[in-house]
């Protein structure tokens, strides 16, 4: 599990997935599966949940 802040976090997600850009809003959550050794393009983005969807269950 990694926690970070933009713009570095979005850049890391993009690098791991082999993408030029992965837009992530503040409070978003994503899952990237990687195998060692870590390398550019070596990850697979499994899901990306926007912050609004995470807040839907709040009372």
C-alpha atoms as a PDB file:
ATOM      1  CA  UNK A   1       0.000   0.000   0.000  1.00  0.00           C
ATOM      2  CA  UNK A   2       1.250   3.434  -0.933  1.00  0.00           C
ATOM      3  CA  UNK A   3      -0.139   6.798   0.071  1.00  0.00           C
ATOM      4  CA  UNK A   4       0.962   9.962  -1.649  1.00  0.00           C
ATOM      5  CA  UNK A   5       0.200  13.415  -2.968  1.00  0.00           C
ATOM      6  CA  UNK A   6       0.050  14.849  -6.462  1.00  0.00           C
ATOM      7  CA  UNK A   7       1.648  15.493  -8.801  1.00  0.00           C
ATOM      8  CA  UNK A   8       4.153  12.813  -7.778  1.00  0.00           C
ATOM      9  CA  UNK A   9       1.558  10.159  -6.970  1.00  0.00           C
ATOM     10  CA  UNK A  10      -0.226  10.401 -10.340  1.00  0.00           C
ATOM     11  CA  UNK A  11       3.158  10.292 -12.059  1.00  0.00           C
ATOM     12  CA  UNK A  12       4.085   7.111 -10.149  1.00  0.00           C
ATOM     13  CA  UNK A  13       0.759   5.464 -11.040  1.00  0.00           C
ATOM     14  CA  UNK A  14       1.241   6.374 -14.716  1.00  0.00           C
ATOM     15  CA  UNK A  15       4.840   5.129 -14.724  1.00  0.00           C
ATOM     16  CA  UNK A  16       3.939   1.799 -13.129  1.00  0.00           C
ATOM     17  CA  UNK A  17       1.078   1.279 -15.602  1.00  0.00           C
ATOM     18  CA  UNK A  18       3.047   2.358 -18.662  1.00  0.00           C
ATOM     19  CA  UNK A  19       0.679   5.260 -19.308  1.00  0.00           C
ATOM     20  CA  UNK A  20       1.526   8.816 -20.249  1.00  0.00           C
ATOM     21  CA  UNK A  21      -0.954  10.145 -17.672  1.00  0.00           C
ATOM     22  CA  UNK A  22      -3.399   8.783 -15.093  1.00  0.00           C
ATOM     23  CA  UNK A  23      -5.578  11.586 -13.717  1.00  0.00           C
ATOM     24  CA  UNK A  24      -6.325  11.091 -10.029  1.00  0.00           C
ATOM     25  CA  UNK A  25      -8.484  13.452  -8.033  1.00  0.00           C
ATOM     26  CA  UNK A  26      -7.719  14.301  -4.421  1.00  0.00           C
ATOM     27  CA  UNK A  27      -8.933  11.423  -2.247  1.00  0.00           C
ATOM     28  CA  UNK A  28      -9.057   8.843  -5.063  1.00  0.00           C
ATOM     29  CA  UNK A  29      -8.085   5.228  -4.470  1.00  0.00           C
ATOM     30  CA  UNK A  30      -6.504   2.806  -6.940  1.00  0.00           C
ATOM     31  CA  UNK A  31      -5.143  -0.715  -7.086  1.00  0.00           C
ATOM     32  CA  UNK A  32      -2.093  -1.579  -9.164  1.00  0.00           C
ATOM     33  CA  UNK A  33      -0.787  -5.134  -9.276  1.00  0.00           C
ATOM     34  CA  UNK A  34       2.996  -5.354  -9.716  1.00  0.00           C
ATOM     35  CA  UNK A  35       5.580  -8.102  -9.738  1.00  0.00           C
ATOM     36  CA  UNK A  36       9.185  -7.576  -8.679  1.00  0.00           C
ATOM     37  CA  UNK A  37      11.327  -5.991  -9.808  1.00  0.00           C
ATOM     38  CA  UNK A  38       9.412  -2.724 -10.075  1.00  0.00           C
ATOM     39  CA  UNK A  39       9.849  -1.293 -13.546  1.00  0.00           C
ATOM     40  CA  UNK A  40       8.064   1.186 -15.825  1.00  0.00           C
ATOM     41  CA  UNK A  41       5.032  -0.437 -17.403  1.00  0.00           C
ATOM     42  CA  UNK A  42       5.286  -3.475 -15.141  1.00  0.00           C
ATOM     43  CA  UNK A  43       2.031  -2.833 -13.305  1.00  0.00           C
ATOM     44  CA  UNK A  44      -1.616  -3.445 -14.126  1.00  0.00           C
ATOM     45  CA  UNK A  45      -4.221  -0.913 -13.006  1.00  0.00           C
ATOM     46  CA  UNK A  46      -7.051  -3.043 -11.599  1.00  0.00           C
ATOM     47  CA  UNK A  47      -9.349  -0.274 -10.435  1.00  0.00           C
ATOM     48  CA  UNK A  48      -9.543   3.471  -9.834  1.00  0.00           C
ATOM     49  CA  UNK A  49     -12.259   4.763  -7.496  1.00  0.00           C
ATOM     50  CA  UNK A  50     -13.064   8.480  -7.592  1.00  0.00           C
ATOM     51  CA  UNK A  51     -13.487  10.247  -4.238  1.00  0.00           C
ATOM     52  CA  UNK A  52     -17.197  10.954  -4.804  1.00  0.00           C
ATOM     53  CA  UNK A  53     -17.965   7.248  -4.979  1.00  0.00           C
ATOM     54  CA  UNK A  54     -16.089   6.632  -1.727  1.00  0.00           C
ATOM     55  CA  UNK A  55     -18.218   9.257   0.038  1.00  0.00           C
ATOM     56  CA  UNK A  56     -21.590   7.876  -1.112  1.00  0.00           C
ATOM     57  CA  UNK A  57     -21.965   5.658   1.963  1.00  0.00           C
ATOM     58  CA  UNK A  58     -21.495   8.505   4.456  1.00  0.00           C
ATOM     59  CA  UNK A  59     -24.434   9.416   6.664  1.00  0.00           C
END
